Amino acid sequence: MTSNGATPTLSLKGVNTHYGAAHILKDVDIDIYPGEMVCLLGGNASGKTTTLKTMLGYLKPSSGAVLMDGENVNGWSTADRVSHGLTMVPENRRLFKRMTVKENLEIGAYLREGETLDDDYDRVFEMFPRVKERLTQKAGTLSGGEQQMVAMGRALMARPKVLLMDEPSMGLAPVLVAQNFEIIQQINTAGVTVFVVEQNANMALSIADRGYVLQTGKIVLNDTSEALLANPQMRAAYLGDV
């Protein structure tokens, strides 16, 4: 997918991010356009989660800017960004395990106080029928696959414009990983822009429009999924070829 002159829904422009004296992100540029699915690939400690935290406002860039629809949001809180359409499914789901499935879903809509949620529940239940069956169960009693469904449902309750996904394949059996990525495709097809941070490069590139590769805090590759899958450097480093 190309930009066709559109303003990116979410961008990082020349972003540098530090943890104390440690320089984690180094002049990172990322553009995510409306309706796209874009993946960010890289090994452990490459800076992938720091990228998400910077996008969400958990971390403030030392320099550079986070833009939403072309507007600099460096000074916005995480809640401000969520209310403007940025939502994340965190690594390892991060459900409130002692709360029911329904209560976890309600938390996803906490910034929409006073609004009716019926249409949102219907959307989630249509995509995840199993979640409807588990509404009164404690979230901690669900299987890993069911917890991932609840985590994605919770994010959809916020009516996101951009859905950030942190390692959606982590901790899931291979058959569930495939099902999970099919659901991510459905969410994207329904009109939600998706940014997937993932170590499973083959799976992520199989569904994404474009990809970025992050290595020790720097973007070292940026291309269409097809081009990245065919790139010898990519194949040697991330796709298991020798």
Protein backbone atom coordinates (compact mmCIF):
# COMPACT_ATOMS: atom_id res chain seq x y z
CA MET A 1 0.00 0.00 0.00
CA THR A 2 1.27 3.48 -0.81
CA SER A 3 0.53 6.75 0.89
CA ASN A 4 -1.16 8.34 -2.16
CA GLY A 5 -0.45 11.71 -0.57
CA ALA A 6 -2.32 10.81 2.64
CA THR A 7 -1.17 12.03 6.03
CA PRO A 8 0.13 9.14 8.16
CA THR A 9 -2.20 8.12 10.95
CA LEU A 10 0.79 7.56 13.20
CA SER A 11 4.45 8.54 12.74
CA LEU A 12 7.78 8.69 14.49
CA LYS A 13 10.05 11.39 13.10
CA GLY A 14 13.73 11.35 14.05
CA VAL A 15 12.92 9.82 17.42
CA ASN A 16 15.63 9.23 19.99
CA THR A 17 14.62 7.64 23.28
CA HIS A 18 16.72 7.02 26.37
CA TYR A 19 16.42 5.01 29.56
CA GLY A 20 18.62 7.12 31.76
CA ALA A 21 22.00 7.22 30.04
CA ALA A 22 21.15 4.27 27.77
CA HIS A 23 20.36 5.39 24.21
CA ILE A 24 17.67 2.94 23.03
CA LEU A 25 15.99 4.39 19.89
CA LYS A 26 18.30 6.16 17.46
CA ASP A 27 16.82 8.54 14.86
CA VAL A 28 13.83 6.26 14.21
CA ASP A 29 11.45 7.19 11.39
CA ILE A 30 8.22 5.21 10.98
CA ASP A 31 5.08 6.12 9.00
CA ILE A 32 1.82 4.17 9.26
CA TYR A 33 -0.89 5.21 6.82
CA PRO A 34 -4.68 4.85 7.17
CA GLY A 35 -5.88 1.28 6.65
CA GLU A 36 -2.40 -0.25 6.52
CA MET A 37 -1.01 -3.17 8.42
CA VAL A 38 2.63 -2.53 9.19
CA CYS A 39 5.00 -4.76 11.16
CA LEU A 40 8.10 -3.96 13.18
CA LEU A 41 10.58 -6.82 13.32
CA GLY A 42 13.71 -7.36 15.34
CA GLY A 43 15.38 -9.58 17.87
CA ASN A 44 15.41 -9.30 21.65
CA ALA A 45 16.68 -5.96 22.99
CA SER A 46 16.40 -4.33 19.57
CA GLY A 47 14.07 -1.59 20.88
CA LYS A 48 10.69 -2.88 19.70
CA THR A 49 8.83 -2.48 22.99
CA THR A 50 10.49 0.90 23.57
CA THR A 51 9.07 1.97 20.20
CA LEU A 52 5.55 1.09 21.36
CA LYS A 53 6.02 2.80 24.73
CA THR A 54 7.18 5.93 22.91
CA MET A 55 4.18 5.84 20.58
CA LEU A 56 1.81 5.49 23.54
CA GLY A 57 3.44 8.20 25.61
CA TYR A 58 4.81 5.96 28.37
CA LEU A 59 8.21 7.28 27.33
CA LYS A 60 8.94 10.76 26.00
CA PRO A 61 11.45 11.10 23.16
CA SER A 62 14.74 12.79 24.02
CA SER A 63 14.41 14.35 20.56
CA GLY A 64 12.17 13.93 17.56
CA ALA A 65 8.39 13.71 17.49
CA VAL A 66 5.45 11.35 17.70
CA LEU A 67 2.71 12.47 15.31
CA MET A 68 -0.95 11.45 15.13
CA ASP A 69 -2.67 12.57 11.93
CA GLY A 70 0.22 14.99 11.43
CA GLU A 71 -0.06 16.59 14.88
CA ASN A 72 2.85 16.50 17.31
CA VAL A 73 1.61 14.65 20.41
CA ASN A 74 4.82 14.61 22.47
CA GLY A 75 3.06 16.55 25.18
CA TRP A 76 -0.04 14.34 25.24
CA SER A 77 -0.67 11.83 27.99
CA THR A 78 -1.30 8.17 27.21
CA ALA A 79 -4.99 8.72 28.00
CA ASP A 80 -5.13 11.58 25.50
CA ARG A 81 -3.65 9.35 22.82
CA VAL A 82 -6.06 6.52 23.60
CA SER A 83 -9.01 8.92 23.45
CA HIS A 84 -7.81 9.98 19.99
CA GLY A 85 -7.75 6.41 18.71
CA LEU A 86 -4.44 4.79 19.72
CA THR A 87 -4.83 1.47 21.56
CA MET A 88 -2.53 -1.45 22.35
CA VAL A 89 -2.82 -5.19 22.92
CA PRO A 90 0.15 -5.67 25.27
CA GLU A 91 2.67 -8.49 25.33
CA ASN A 92 1.40 -11.46 27.40
CA ARG A 93 -2.15 -10.01 27.25
CA ARG A 94 -1.93 -8.27 30.68
CA LEU A 95 -5.52 -9.03 31.65
CA PHE A 96 -6.89 -8.32 35.12
CA LYS A 97 -7.01 -11.99 36.02
CA ARG A 98 -9.21 -11.74 39.13
CA MET A 99 -11.83 -9.77 37.21
CA THR A 100 -14.41 -11.31 34.91
CA VAL A 101 -14.11 -11.30 31.15
CA LYS A 102 -16.93 -8.73 30.97
CA GLU A 103 -15.16 -6.45 33.44
CA ASN A 104 -11.97 -6.67 31.39
CA LEU A 105 -13.89 -5.69 28.26
CA GLU A 106 -15.49 -2.75 30.08
CA ILE A 107 -12.04 -1.44 31.01
CA GLY A 108 -11.30 -1.11 27.30
CA ALA A 109 -14.08 1.47 27.08
CA TYR A 110 -13.23 3.36 30.26
CA LEU A 111 -12.64 6.65 28.41
CA ARG A 112 -16.09 6.42 26.81
CA GLU A 113 -18.07 6.87 30.01
CA GLY A 114 -21.76 7.47 29.38
CA GLU A 115 -21.77 5.96 25.90
CA THR A 116 -23.74 2.84 25.02
CA LEU A 117 -21.50 -0.16 24.44
CA ASP A 118 -24.02 -2.51 22.84
CA ASP A 119 -22.62 -2.18 19.32
CA ASP A 120 -19.10 -2.68 20.63
CA TYR A 121 -20.04 -5.86 22.49
CA ASP A 122 -21.76 -7.15 19.35
CA ARG A 123 -18.61 -6.45 17.31
CA VAL A 124 -16.41 -8.29 19.81
CA PHE A 125 -18.77 -11.24 20.14
CA GLU A 126 -19.08 -11.59 16.38
CA MET A 127 -15.32 -11.78 16.08
CA PHE A 128 -14.80 -13.85 19.25
CA PRO A 129 -17.85 -16.05 19.98
CA ARG A 130 -15.87 -17.85 22.69
CA VAL A 131 -15.53 -14.58 24.62
CA LYS A 132 -19.32 -14.27 24.85
CA GLU A 133 -19.46 -17.77 26.33
CA ARG A 134 -16.89 -16.82 28.99
CA LEU A 135 -18.27 -13.42 30.08
CA THR A 136 -18.79 -14.33 33.74
CA GLN A 137 -15.55 -16.28 34.13
CA LYS A 138 -12.48 -14.87 35.83
CA ALA A 139 -10.02 -13.91 33.12
CA GLY A 140 -7.22 -15.81 34.86
CA THR A 141 -9.04 -19.12 34.39
CA LEU A 142 -9.03 -18.89 30.58
CA SER A 143 -6.62 -20.64 28.24
CA GLY A 144 -3.82 -18.63 26.62
CA GLY A 145 -5.73 -18.46 23.35
CA GLU A 146 -8.91 -17.30 25.07
CA GLN A 147 -6.99 -14.65 27.02
CA GLN A 148 -5.57 -13.32 23.75
CA MET A 149 -9.12 -13.05 22.38
CA VAL A 150 -10.19 -11.07 25.46
CA ALA A 151 -7.13 -8.80 25.18
CA MET A 152 -7.96 -8.03 21.54
CA GLY A 153 -11.63 -7.59 22.40
CA ARG A 154 -10.72 -5.19 25.20
CA ALA A 155 -8.68 -3.11 22.74
CA LEU A 156 -11.54 -3.05 20.22
CA MET A 157 -13.89 -1.70 22.90
CA ALA A 158 -11.89 1.54 22.70
CA ARG A 159 -12.86 1.90 19.01
CA PRO A 160 -9.24 2.32 17.90
CA LYS A 161 -8.09 4.06 14.75
CA VAL A 162 -4.68 2.45 15.21
CA LEU A 163 -4.22 -0.86 17.02
CA LEU A 164 -0.73 -1.56 18.34
CA MET A 165 0.06 -5.22 18.97
CA ASP A 166 3.08 -6.27 21.04
CA GLU A 167 4.28 -9.81 20.24
CA PRO A 168 0.82 -11.33 19.60
CA SER A 169 2.31 -14.79 18.96
CA MET A 170 4.16 -14.99 22.28
CA GLY A 171 3.23 -17.98 24.42
CA LEU A 172 0.72 -19.44 21.97
CA ALA A 173 0.76 -22.87 20.34
CA PRO A 174 1.50 -22.77 16.58
CA VAL A 175 -2.12 -23.49 15.62
CA LEU A 176 -3.28 -20.61 17.83
CA VAL A 177 -0.65 -18.30 16.36
CA ALA A 178 -2.11 -18.89 12.89
CA GLN A 179 -5.67 -18.27 14.16
CA ASN A 180 -4.51 -15.15 15.99
CA PHE A 181 -2.99 -13.64 12.85
CA GLU A 182 -6.15 -14.44 10.88
CA ILE A 183 -8.10 -12.42 13.45
CA ILE A 184 -5.60 -9.54 13.18
CA GLN A 185 -6.22 -9.56 9.43
CA GLN A 186 -9.98 -9.41 10.04
CA ILE A 187 -9.55 -6.41 12.32
CA ASN A 188 -7.48 -4.66 9.67
CA THR A 189 -9.96 -5.54 6.91
CA ALA A 190 -12.72 -4.01 9.06
CA GLY A 191 -10.94 -0.65 8.77
CA VAL A 192 -8.57 -0.53 11.74
CA THR A 193 -4.98 0.46 11.01
CA VAL A 194 -2.66 -2.10 12.63
CA PHE A 195 0.97 -1.92 13.78
CA VAL A 196 2.34 -5.33 14.80
CA VAL A 197 5.56 -5.71 16.76
CA GLU A 198 6.68 -9.31 16.35
CA GLN A 199 9.65 -11.68 16.42
CA ASN A 200 7.90 -14.21 14.16
CA ALA A 201 8.99 -12.48 10.96
CA ASN A 202 7.54 -15.03 8.53
CA MET A 203 4.08 -14.83 10.07
CA ALA A 204 4.06 -11.04 10.41
CA LEU A 205 5.25 -10.44 6.84
CA SER A 206 2.66 -12.90 5.50
CA ILE A 207 -0.16 -10.54 6.50
CA ALA A 208 1.44 -7.06 6.62
CA ASP A 209 1.58 -4.51 3.80
CA ARG A 210 5.00 -3.22 4.82
CA GLY A 211 7.64 -3.85 7.40
CA TYR A 212 10.44 -2.15 9.30
CA VAL A 213 13.40 -3.99 10.79
CA LEU A 214 14.89 -2.61 14.00
CA GLN A 215 18.42 -3.52 15.08
CA THR A 216 20.04 -2.09 18.22
CA GLY A 217 17.64 0.84 18.11
CA LYS A 218 18.07 1.73 14.43
CA ILE A 219 15.81 1.05 11.45
CA VAL A 220 18.03 -1.01 9.14
CA LEU A 221 15.42 -2.13 6.59
CA ASN A 222 12.12 -0.64 5.45
CA ASP A 223 10.19 -2.07 2.51
CA THR A 224 7.10 -3.89 1.35
CA SER A 225 6.52 -7.31 2.87
CA GLU A 226 7.21 -8.99 -0.48
CA ALA A 227 10.54 -7.22 -0.84
CA LEU A 228 11.57 -8.01 2.72
CA LEU A 229 10.71 -11.68 2.29
CA ALA A 230 12.99 -11.76 -0.76
CA ASN A 231 15.81 -9.71 0.81
CA PRO A 232 18.93 -11.89 1.36
CA GLN A 233 19.96 -9.91 4.46
CA MET A 234 16.48 -10.34 5.92
CA ARG A 235 16.33 -14.02 5.08
CA ALA A 236 19.70 -14.74 6.68
CA ALA A 237 19.07 -12.75 9.85
CA TYR A 238 15.37 -13.25 10.58
CA LEU A 239 13.74 -15.86 8.36
CA GLY A 240 15.87 -18.87 9.19
CA ASP A 241 17.78 -19.15 5.89
CA VAL A 242 21.50 -19.77 5.86
